[in-house]
């Protein structure tokens, strides 16, 4: 049976066409519009009507020719007016099914469905705008009925307190603090503008007469005022982040229904995503700096498919660590959460700590020869030492059954669990410096990782490489 999409797609096509034609159409008629007399030639209005009617008719024809049908093993799509394109998507290649409905979709009774395949490009995917009934029928024929998992008991529901903790570690918060400080700077510059022609540079900043005034008064009240401004900016940014995440992650629900995971979330734009568990290659447990202090982590996934923003990557935005094992047992019992025990080989601290310290001191020394202000960067040496020490002492890896486990320290502590059958290859190499220390850099290769650097660690000895390869060769090919 041949099916067509929701008629609202005609309006979407008209809107997109008009949006991209407004600028060139306005430029073409600029001289006529510039007169502003309201007595433009009739051909101007006639041309606008002809263009508008043509766009509407073309949109209707395009919508009519855009059809789909589904058989027992594949989804058949036909598109195009003059050049007809036929696409066949095997049902077994469908990785994710995403459903979303904006406020306009809900008014019009429409639902947007995105079918993502295991191929590593967006052209292999398909997007449909359907009525709710047709959406149910389509998903039912793919054996993923909306009503079936919509009535299933939720396996995990995100609580408001979890979103509260997530807000202090989101990118909105970290990026918002310097933004607020910049806004305060501009406001202060507007209240007390600089003198005309005043130099704005780091040197001029330290030469400013303000420092002499501060030295002549009590410094503590000044510092308290500065800290108060920073704290106020951080609080305002946190409130904004909290509101944004409450809207984005509203009613975050995860349902485990047989071989599928169903994730539903969103307030203004409600989304529903269905994911086959067999497509999940690895999970990543992330502990952000601030949320880690309160015992909260987030769970991410890497699934088979292209590297795109539309792919489902987040399983749980925030979960309390004591509840982590319970959540994983309910949602993904295929993964076993264990802490890795193999650390980096002893006696290699010089590579991670000594060399970075020597390079940092050399750079500061050379900079001090050109400017005395370079010595202000000396505290960075302590940061380099701390980072190298944490990297050396905090990196652990191990193999447990059919999964590889890697824990890496940092501002965001990450622990990944990779299934053995998902690993495409294990690469290891060394440069001349690493050869002198007898260590290797190891990279676990999987299909389209979200962040490839999270699957790389440096410091494995030759014996570690041999054990890792022996474990990998024991995998069962599917």
Protein backbone atom coordinates (compact mmCIF):
# COMPACT_ATOMS: atom_id res chain seq x y z
CA UNK A 1 0.00 0.00 0.00
CA UNK A 2 1.36 3.40 -1.03
CA UNK A 3 1.40 5.97 1.79
CA UNK A 4 2.00 9.72 1.85
CA UNK A 5 3.17 12.03 4.57
CA UNK A 6 1.21 14.62 6.55
CA UNK A 7 0.00 17.61 4.45
CA UNK A 8 1.81 19.92 6.88
CA UNK A 9 4.93 19.06 4.92
CA UNK A 10 3.54 21.22 2.10
CA UNK A 11 3.61 24.23 4.42
CA UNK A 12 7.12 23.34 5.57
CA UNK A 13 8.31 23.18 1.96
CA UNK A 14 6.65 26.52 1.17
CA UNK A 15 8.21 28.13 4.23
CA UNK A 16 11.70 26.91 3.35
CA UNK A 17 11.37 28.03 -0.26
CA UNK A 18 10.09 31.49 0.65
CA UNK A 19 12.71 31.90 3.37
CA UNK A 20 15.55 31.38 0.94
CA UNK A 21 13.94 33.58 -1.74
CA UNK A 22 13.18 36.63 0.39
CA UNK A 23 16.71 38.07 0.21
CA UNK A 24 17.30 37.67 -3.55
CA UNK A 25 13.73 38.77 -4.33
CA UNK A 26 14.15 41.86 -2.15
CA UNK A 27 17.48 42.74 -3.75
CA UNK A 28 15.97 42.42 -7.21
CA UNK A 29 13.11 44.78 -6.35
CA UNK A 30 15.17 47.07 -4.12
CA UNK A 31 14.83 50.10 -6.35
CA UNK A 32 11.06 49.70 -6.48
CA UNK A 33 10.69 49.15 -2.74
CA UNK A 34 13.11 51.99 -1.95
CA UNK A 35 10.71 54.55 -3.42
CA UNK A 36 8.30 53.85 -0.59
CA UNK A 37 5.39 55.46 -2.42
CA UNK A 38 3.17 52.41 -2.32
CA UNK A 39 2.61 52.82 -6.07
CA UNK A 40 4.97 50.19 -7.42
CA UNK A 41 4.25 48.88 -10.91
CA UNK A 42 1.66 46.15 -11.17
CA UNK A 43 4.22 43.72 -12.51
CA UNK A 44 5.87 43.72 -9.07
CA UNK A 45 2.73 42.37 -7.44
CA UNK A 46 2.08 40.07 -10.38
CA UNK A 47 5.56 38.59 -10.13
CA UNK A 48 5.11 38.02 -6.40
CA UNK A 49 1.79 36.22 -6.99
CA UNK A 50 3.27 34.06 -9.76
CA UNK A 51 6.23 33.09 -7.60
CA UNK A 52 4.01 32.33 -4.60
CA UNK A 53 1.57 30.19 -6.61
CA UNK A 54 4.45 28.37 -8.30
CA UNK A 55 6.04 27.54 -4.96
CA UNK A 56 2.71 26.30 -3.58
CA UNK A 57 2.00 24.11 -6.62
CA UNK A 58 5.54 22.73 -6.64
CA UNK A 59 5.30 21.94 -2.93
CA UNK A 60 2.01 20.09 -3.45
CA UNK A 61 3.40 18.07 -6.37
CA UNK A 62 6.55 17.24 -4.39
CA UNK A 63 4.43 16.10 -1.45
CA UNK A 64 2.25 13.94 -3.71
CA UNK A 65 5.25 12.26 -5.33
CA UNK A 66 6.94 11.59 -1.98
CA UNK A 67 5.60 8.16 -1.03
CA UNK A 68 6.64 5.16 0.99
CA UNK A 69 5.55 1.59 1.54
CA UNK A 70 6.79 -1.26 3.66
CA UNK A 71 6.96 -4.98 3.02
CA UNK A 72 8.11 -7.88 5.17
CA UNK A 73 11.82 -7.08 4.97
CA UNK A 74 12.37 -3.53 3.71
CA UNK A 75 11.09 0.03 3.63
CA UNK A 76 10.58 1.33 0.08
CA UNK A 77 10.78 5.10 -0.49
CA UNK A 78 10.08 7.01 -3.70
CA UNK A 79 10.94 10.71 -4.08
CA UNK A 80 11.29 13.25 -6.87
CA UNK A 81 9.18 14.80 -9.62
CA UNK A 82 11.29 14.80 -12.77
CA UNK A 83 14.14 12.68 -11.44
CA UNK A 84 12.59 9.89 -9.41
CA UNK A 85 14.69 8.31 -6.67
CA UNK A 86 13.89 4.86 -5.29
CA UNK A 87 15.40 3.85 -1.97
CA UNK A 88 15.27 0.51 -0.22
CA UNK A 89 16.14 0.35 3.48
CA UNK A 90 16.31 -3.17 4.95
CA UNK A 91 14.52 -3.27 8.28
CA UNK A 92 17.43 -5.07 9.88
CA UNK A 93 19.70 -2.09 9.12
CA UNK A 94 17.56 0.35 11.11
CA UNK A 95 19.52 1.31 14.22
CA UNK A 96 17.47 4.02 15.91
CA UNK A 97 13.91 5.23 15.60
CA UNK A 98 13.38 8.77 16.84
CA UNK A 99 10.00 10.44 17.28
CA UNK A 100 9.45 14.10 18.10
CA UNK A 101 6.51 16.45 18.11
CA UNK A 102 6.88 20.22 18.42
CA UNK A 103 4.05 22.40 19.67
CA UNK A 104 3.04 23.05 16.05
CA UNK A 105 3.09 19.31 15.32
CA UNK A 106 0.82 18.65 18.29
CA UNK A 107 -1.66 21.26 17.08
CA UNK A 108 -1.69 19.78 13.57
CA UNK A 109 -1.77 16.18 14.80
CA UNK A 110 1.60 15.35 13.23
CA UNK A 111 4.66 13.41 14.36
CA UNK A 112 8.18 13.51 12.93
CA UNK A 113 9.88 10.12 12.68
CA UNK A 114 13.58 9.71 11.96
CA UNK A 115 14.86 6.29 10.96
CA UNK A 116 18.61 5.96 11.40
CA UNK A 117 20.47 3.08 9.84
CA UNK A 118 23.76 1.41 10.68
CA UNK A 119 25.41 3.00 7.65
CA UNK A 120 27.88 5.76 8.43
CA UNK A 121 26.21 8.56 6.49
CA UNK A 122 23.07 10.62 6.83
CA UNK A 123 21.92 9.93 3.26
CA UNK A 124 21.11 6.36 4.28
CA UNK A 125 18.57 7.64 6.84
CA UNK A 126 14.95 8.66 6.32
CA UNK A 127 12.66 11.28 7.86
CA UNK A 128 8.87 11.21 7.76
CA UNK A 129 6.22 13.68 8.91
CA UNK A 130 3.11 11.58 9.51
CA UNK A 131 -0.21 11.69 11.24
CA UNK A 132 -0.28 9.95 14.60
CA UNK A 133 -2.27 7.02 13.22
CA UNK A 134 0.11 6.49 10.30
CA UNK A 135 3.07 6.80 12.65
CA UNK A 136 1.62 4.04 14.83
CA UNK A 137 1.01 1.85 11.79
CA UNK A 138 4.53 2.40 10.44
CA UNK A 139 6.18 1.56 13.74
CA UNK A 140 3.87 -1.40 14.29
CA UNK A 141 4.92 -2.84 10.93
CA UNK A 142 8.55 -2.46 12.00
CA UNK A 143 7.60 -4.32 15.19
CA UNK A 144 8.10 -1.19 17.30
CA UNK A 145 4.58 -0.11 18.11
CA UNK A 146 4.38 3.17 19.98
CA UNK A 147 1.44 1.97 22.00
CA UNK A 148 3.27 -1.18 23.11
CA UNK A 149 6.15 0.62 24.78
CA UNK A 150 4.01 3.61 25.64
CA UNK A 151 1.98 1.35 27.94
CA UNK A 152 5.00 -0.56 29.25
CA UNK A 153 6.19 0.10 32.76
CA UNK A 154 9.09 2.60 32.84
CA UNK A 155 12.38 1.00 33.83
CA UNK A 156 13.90 4.29 35.01
CA UNK A 157 12.49 7.80 35.44
CA UNK A 158 14.71 10.82 35.96
CA UNK A 159 13.82 12.75 39.09
CA UNK A 160 13.88 16.58 39.38
CA UNK A 161 16.74 16.35 41.87
CA UNK A 162 18.80 14.49 39.26
CA UNK A 163 18.27 17.30 36.75
CA UNK A 164 19.17 19.73 39.53
CA UNK A 165 22.55 18.03 39.93
CA UNK A 166 23.06 17.80 36.18
CA UNK A 167 22.64 21.56 35.82
CA UNK A 168 25.84 22.35 37.74
CA UNK A 169 27.96 20.32 35.33
CA UNK A 170 26.36 21.23 32.00
CA UNK A 171 28.10 23.15 29.24
CA UNK A 172 25.52 25.91 29.65
CA UNK A 173 26.82 26.56 33.17
CA UNK A 174 30.52 26.48 32.34
CA UNK A 175 30.14 28.64 29.24
CA UNK A 176 27.73 31.02 30.93
CA UNK A 177 30.05 32.18 33.73
CA UNK A 178 32.58 33.93 31.43
CA UNK A 179 29.66 35.23 29.36
CA UNK A 180 28.12 36.85 32.44
CA UNK A 181 31.48 38.32 33.42
CA UNK A 182 31.84 39.78 29.93
CA UNK A 183 28.37 41.31 30.20
CA UNK A 184 29.30 42.84 33.55
CA UNK A 185 32.46 44.27 31.97
CA UNK A 186 30.50 45.91 29.16
CA UNK A 187 27.95 47.28 31.61
CA UNK A 188 30.73 48.76 33.75
CA UNK A 189 32.36 50.24 30.65
CA UNK A 190 29.01 51.79 29.72
CA UNK A 191 28.55 53.28 33.21
CA UNK A 192 32.12 54.60 33.40
CA UNK A 193 33.42 54.87 29.83
CA UNK A 194 37.15 54.97 29.15
CA UNK A 195 38.85 58.11 28.05
CA UNK A 196 39.02 58.55 24.31
CA UNK A 197 42.12 56.94 22.85
CA UNK A 198 42.91 54.99 26.02
CA UNK A 199 44.98 51.90 25.32
CA UNK A 200 43.32 48.57 26.03
CA UNK A 201 45.91 45.85 26.64
CA UNK A 202 47.30 43.64 29.35
CA UNK A 203 50.26 45.98 29.93
CA UNK A 204 47.95 48.98 30.20
CA UNK A 205 45.84 47.04 32.65
CA UNK A 206 48.76 46.60 35.04
CA UNK A 207 49.83 50.22 34.55
CA UNK A 208 46.38 51.48 35.44
CA UNK A 209 46.17 53.97 38.31
CA UNK A 210 43.49 51.76 39.84
CA UNK A 211 46.17 49.53 41.35
CA UNK A 212 47.72 52.42 43.25
CA UNK A 213 44.32 53.29 44.67
CA UNK A 214 43.74 49.70 45.76
CA UNK A 215 47.12 49.56 47.49
CA UNK A 216 46.23 52.70 49.44
CA UNK A 217 42.97 51.27 50.77
CA UNK A 218 41.90 48.06 52.43
CA UNK A 219 42.30 45.27 49.86
CA UNK A 220 39.97 42.78 51.55
CA UNK A 221 36.70 44.66 50.81
CA UNK A 222 37.76 45.03 47.18
CA UNK A 223 38.48 41.32 46.85
CA UNK A 224 35.17 40.49 48.51
CA UNK A 225 33.36 42.69 45.99
CA UNK A 226 35.11 40.99 43.07
CA UNK A 227 34.32 37.54 44.46
CA UNK A 228 30.74 38.63 45.03
CA UNK A 229 30.38 39.66 41.38
CA UNK A 230 31.81 36.33 40.21
CA UNK A 231 29.53 34.40 42.58
CA UNK A 232 26.50 36.37 41.39
CA UNK A 233 27.38 35.59 37.76
CA UNK A 234 27.80 31.91 38.58
CA UNK A 235 24.45 31.82 40.39
CA UNK A 236 22.64 33.55 37.51
CA UNK A 237 24.21 31.14 35.03
CA UNK A 238 23.27 28.15 37.16
CA UNK A 239 19.64 29.29 37.30
CA UNK A 240 19.58 29.66 33.53
CA UNK A 241 21.17 26.22 33.11
CA UNK A 242 18.66 24.69 35.51
CA UNK A 243 15.68 26.10 33.61
CA UNK A 244 17.08 24.99 30.24
CA UNK A 245 17.74 21.44 31.44
CA UNK A 246 14.33 21.18 33.12
CA UNK A 247 12.80 21.98 29.72
CA UNK A 248 15.12 19.69 27.78
CA UNK A 249 15.12 16.67 30.12
CA UNK A 250 11.55 17.02 31.36
CA UNK A 251 10.02 13.61 32.21
CA UNK A 252 13.08 11.69 31.02
CA UNK A 253 11.92 8.08 30.94
CA UNK A 254 13.80 4.97 29.85
CA UNK A 255 11.93 1.73 29.12
CA UNK A 256 13.59 -1.63 28.52
CA UNK A 257 11.20 -3.65 26.36
CA UNK A 258 12.79 -6.92 25.27
CA UNK A 259 15.59 -6.19 22.81
CA UNK A 260 14.79 -2.47 22.63
CA UNK A 261 15.39 0.63 24.71
CA UNK A 262 12.81 3.40 24.50
CA UNK A 263 13.83 6.87 25.68
CA UNK A 264 11.22 9.62 26.04
CA UNK A 265 11.91 13.19 27.11
CA UNK A 266 11.22 16.85 26.44
CA UNK A 267 8.67 19.47 27.41
CA UNK A 268 8.24 21.91 24.53
CA UNK A 269 9.37 19.30 22.00
CA UNK A 270 8.50 15.80 23.18
CA UNK A 271 10.83 13.15 21.77
CA UNK A 272 10.67 9.37 21.75
CA UNK A 273 13.61 7.26 20.59
CA UNK A 274 13.71 3.49 20.12
CA UNK A 275 17.09 1.79 20.03
CA UNK A 276 17.97 -1.85 19.44
CA UNK A 277 20.24 -3.04 22.25
CA UNK A 278 22.38 -5.04 19.81
CA UNK A 279 23.52 -1.74 18.26
CA UNK A 280 25.07 -0.50 21.51
CA UNK A 281 28.84 -0.90 21.32
CA UNK A 282 29.89 0.66 24.60
CA UNK A 283 28.75 2.72 27.54
CA UNK A 284 30.61 5.59 29.16
CA UNK A 285 30.24 6.56 32.80
CA UNK A 286 31.12 10.24 33.20
CA UNK A 287 31.77 11.99 36.50
CA UNK A 288 31.92 15.77 36.13
CA UNK A 289 33.93 17.79 38.61
CA UNK A 290 31.08 19.43 40.53
CA UNK A 291 28.50 16.64 40.26
CA UNK A 292 31.18 14.15 41.35
CA UNK A 293 31.41 15.96 44.68
CA UNK A 294 27.72 15.16 45.24
CA UNK A 295 28.04 11.55 44.07
CA UNK A 296 26.32 11.88 40.67
CA UNK A 297 27.33 10.44 37.31
CA UNK A 298 25.89 10.40 33.80
CA UNK A 299 25.62 7.40 31.45
CA UNK A 300 26.39 7.75 27.74
CA UNK A 301 26.32 5.28 24.87
CA UNK A 302 28.16 4.75 21.60
CA UNK A 303 26.00 2.99 19.04
CA UNK A 304 26.62 1.73 15.53
CA UNK A 305 26.03 4.51 13.03
CA UNK A 306 27.35 7.78 11.70
CA UNK A 307 28.89 10.50 13.83
CA UNK A 308 26.04 12.99 14.04
CA UNK A 309 24.12 15.03 16.56
CA UNK A 310 20.90 13.17 15.82
CA UNK A 311 22.26 9.88 17.05
CA UNK A 312 21.15 8.88 20.52
CA UNK A 313 24.13 9.13 22.86
CA UNK A 314 22.76 9.93 26.33
CA UNK A 315 21.11 7.17 28.34
CA UNK A 316 20.74 8.87 31.74
CA UNK A 317 21.70 12.55 32.21
CA UNK A 318 22.28 12.04 35.93
CA UNK A 319 22.04 9.19 38.40
CA UNK A 320 23.17 8.89 42.00
CA UNK A 321 26.17 6.59 42.24
CA UNK A 322 24.55 4.18 44.78
CA UNK A 323 21.73 3.72 42.23
CA UNK A 324 24.07 3.25 39.25
CA UNK A 325 24.29 -0.54 39.44
CA UNK A 326 20.54 -0.88 39.89
CA UNK A 327 19.89 1.32 36.87
CA UNK A 328 22.28 -0.65 34.67
CA UNK A 329 20.79 -3.99 35.75
CA UNK A 330 17.36 -2.78 34.69
CA UNK A 331 18.37 -1.06 31.46
CA UNK A 332 21.48 -2.80 30.12
CA UNK A 333 22.25 -6.06 31.92
CA UNK A 334 24.48 -6.93 28.93
CA UNK A 335 27.16 -4.74 30.52
CA UNK A 336 28.84 -5.60 33.80
CA UNK A 337 30.09 -2.65 35.81
CA UNK A 338 33.45 -3.52 37.31
CA UNK A 339 36.34 -1.32 38.31
CA UNK A 340 39.55 -1.92 36.29
CA UNK A 341 42.57 -3.01 38.31
CA UNK A 342 45.51 -2.81 35.90
CA UNK A 343 47.40 0.44 36.34
CA UNK A 344 50.20 1.86 34.23
CA UNK A 345 53.64 0.22 34.66
CA UNK A 346 55.77 1.46 37.54
CA UNK A 347 58.85 3.56 36.95
CA UNK A 348 57.34 5.56 34.07
CA UNK A 349 56.36 8.65 36.04
CA UNK A 350 59.12 10.67 34.37
CA UNK A 351 57.27 10.51 31.04
CA UNK A 352 53.99 11.81 32.49
CA UNK A 353 55.38 14.26 35.07
CA UNK A 354 59.05 15.03 34.48
CA UNK A 355 58.93 15.81 30.76
CA UNK A 356 55.89 18.16 30.94
CA UNK A 357 57.46 19.97 33.92
CA UNK A 358 60.75 20.42 32.06
CA UNK A 359 58.95 21.74 28.97
CA UNK A 360 56.84 24.12 31.04
CA UNK A 361 59.83 25.54 32.90
CA UNK A 362 61.73 25.94 29.62
CA UNK A 363 58.86 27.89 28.03
CA UNK A 364 58.48 30.16 31.07
CA UNK A 365 62.24 30.74 31.19
CA UNK A 366 62.37 31.73 27.52
CA UNK A 367 59.34 33.96 28.01
CA UNK A 368 60.97 35.66 31.01
CA UNK A 369 63.89 36.64 28.80
CA UNK A 370 61.48 38.71 26.71
CA UNK A 371 59.10 39.92 29.41
CA UNK A 372 59.23 39.78 33.18
CA UNK A 373 55.48 39.17 33.23
CA UNK A 374 56.12 35.61 32.03
CA UNK A 375 56.94 34.66 35.62
CA UNK A 376 53.24 35.12 36.41
CA UNK A 377 52.70 31.79 34.63
CA UNK A 378 54.76 29.96 37.26
CA UNK A 379 51.65 28.63 39.08
CA UNK A 380 50.85 26.73 35.90
CA UNK A 381 53.77 24.46 36.74
CA UNK A 382 51.80 23.17 39.71
CA UNK A 383 48.83 22.50 37.42
CA UNK A 384 51.09 20.60 34.99
CA UNK A 385 52.46 18.52 37.86
CA UNK A 386 48.98 17.76 39.20
CA UNK A 387 47.68 16.82 35.75
CA UNK A 388 50.60 14.51 34.98
CA UNK A 389 50.45 12.86 38.38
CA UNK A 390 46.70 12.22 38.08
CA UNK A 391 47.12 10.91 34.55
CA UNK A 392 49.83 8.47 35.62
CA UNK A 393 48.31 7.30 38.90
CA UNK A 394 44.64 7.45 37.89
CA UNK A 395 44.61 5.56 34.57
CA UNK A 396 43.39 1.98 34.91
CA UNK A 397 42.36 -0.64 32.38
CA UNK A 398 41.30 -4.26 32.43
CA UNK A 399 39.41 -6.98 30.57
CA UNK A 400 36.42 -8.60 32.18
CA UNK A 401 34.75 -11.42 30.31
CA UNK A 402 33.67 -10.04 26.94
CA UNK A 403 34.25 -6.39 27.68
CA UNK A 404 37.19 -4.02 27.88
CA UNK A 405 37.22 -1.44 30.68
CA UNK A 406 39.22 1.80 30.71
CA UNK A 407 39.14 4.47 33.43
CA UNK A 408 40.76 7.84 32.74
CA UNK A 409 41.12 10.72 35.21
CA UNK A 410 40.61 14.41 34.53
CA UNK A 411 38.21 17.24 35.22
CA UNK A 412 35.63 14.81 33.88
CA UNK A 413 36.50 11.29 35.02
CA UNK A 414 35.44 8.77 32.37
CA UNK A 415 35.10 5.00 32.55
CA UNK A 416 34.24 3.16 29.33
CA UNK A 417 32.95 -0.39 28.92
CA UNK A 418 33.40 -1.77 25.38
CA UNK A 419 31.97 -5.07 24.20
CA UNK A 420 34.59 -7.27 22.57
CA UNK A 421 32.52 -7.99 19.46
CA UNK A 422 32.15 -4.24 18.89
CA UNK A 423 35.91 -3.64 18.67
CA UNK A 424 37.00 -3.37 15.04
CA UNK A 425 40.71 -3.32 15.83
CA UNK A 426 43.25 -2.52 18.53
CA UNK A 427 45.99 -0.14 17.39
CA UNK A 428 49.18 0.49 19.32
CA UNK A 429 52.20 2.60 18.41
CA UNK A 430 55.02 4.60 19.98
CA UNK A 431 57.17 7.59 19.08
CA UNK A 432 60.88 7.87 19.82
CA UNK A 433 60.37 9.27 23.30
CA UNK A 434 57.85 6.57 24.19
CA UNK A 435 60.22 3.96 22.75
CA UNK A 436 62.89 5.17 25.15
CA UNK A 437 60.52 4.66 28.08
CA UNK A 438 59.25 1.33 26.75
CA UNK A 439 55.58 2.32 26.62
CA UNK A 440 52.91 2.36 23.91
CA UNK A 441 49.83 4.38 23.06
CA UNK A 442 46.80 2.11 22.65
CA UNK A 443 43.64 2.98 20.73
CA UNK A 444 40.46 0.91 20.76
CA UNK A 445 38.76 1.27 17.37
CA UNK A 446 34.95 1.04 17.21
CA UNK A 447 32.34 2.21 14.72
CA UNK A 448 31.87 6.01 14.86
CA UNK A 449 32.76 6.81 18.48
CA UNK A 450 31.42 10.05 19.91
CA UNK A 451 34.84 10.99 21.27
CA UNK A 452 37.66 8.87 19.91
CA UNK A 453 40.16 10.25 22.45
CA UNK A 454 38.23 8.55 25.25
CA UNK A 455 39.25 5.21 23.74
CA UNK A 456 42.97 6.06 23.76
CA UNK A 457 45.40 5.67 26.63
CA UNK A 458 49.17 5.99 26.85
CA UNK A 459 51.51 3.99 29.06
CA UNK A 460 50.89 0.32 28.26
CA UNK A 461 53.95 -1.90 28.45
CA UNK A 462 54.78 -4.57 25.89
CA UNK A 463 53.46 -7.29 28.17
CA UNK A 464 50.18 -5.41 28.55
CA UNK A 465 49.84 -5.22 24.77
CA UNK A 466 50.36 -8.97 24.46
CA UNK A 467 47.68 -9.73 27.06
CA UNK A 468 45.24 -7.33 25.43
CA UNK A 469 45.76 -8.82 21.96
CA UNK A 470 45.37 -12.37 23.31
CA UNK A 471 42.06 -11.37 24.88
CA UNK A 472 40.90 -9.72 21.66
CA UNK A 473 41.79 -12.74 19.50
CA UNK A 474 39.54 -14.89 21.65
CA UNK A 475 36.41 -13.07 20.47
CA UNK A 476 33.59 -14.82 18.70
CA UNK A 477 32.84 -13.50 15.21
CA UNK A 478 29.19 -12.78 14.47
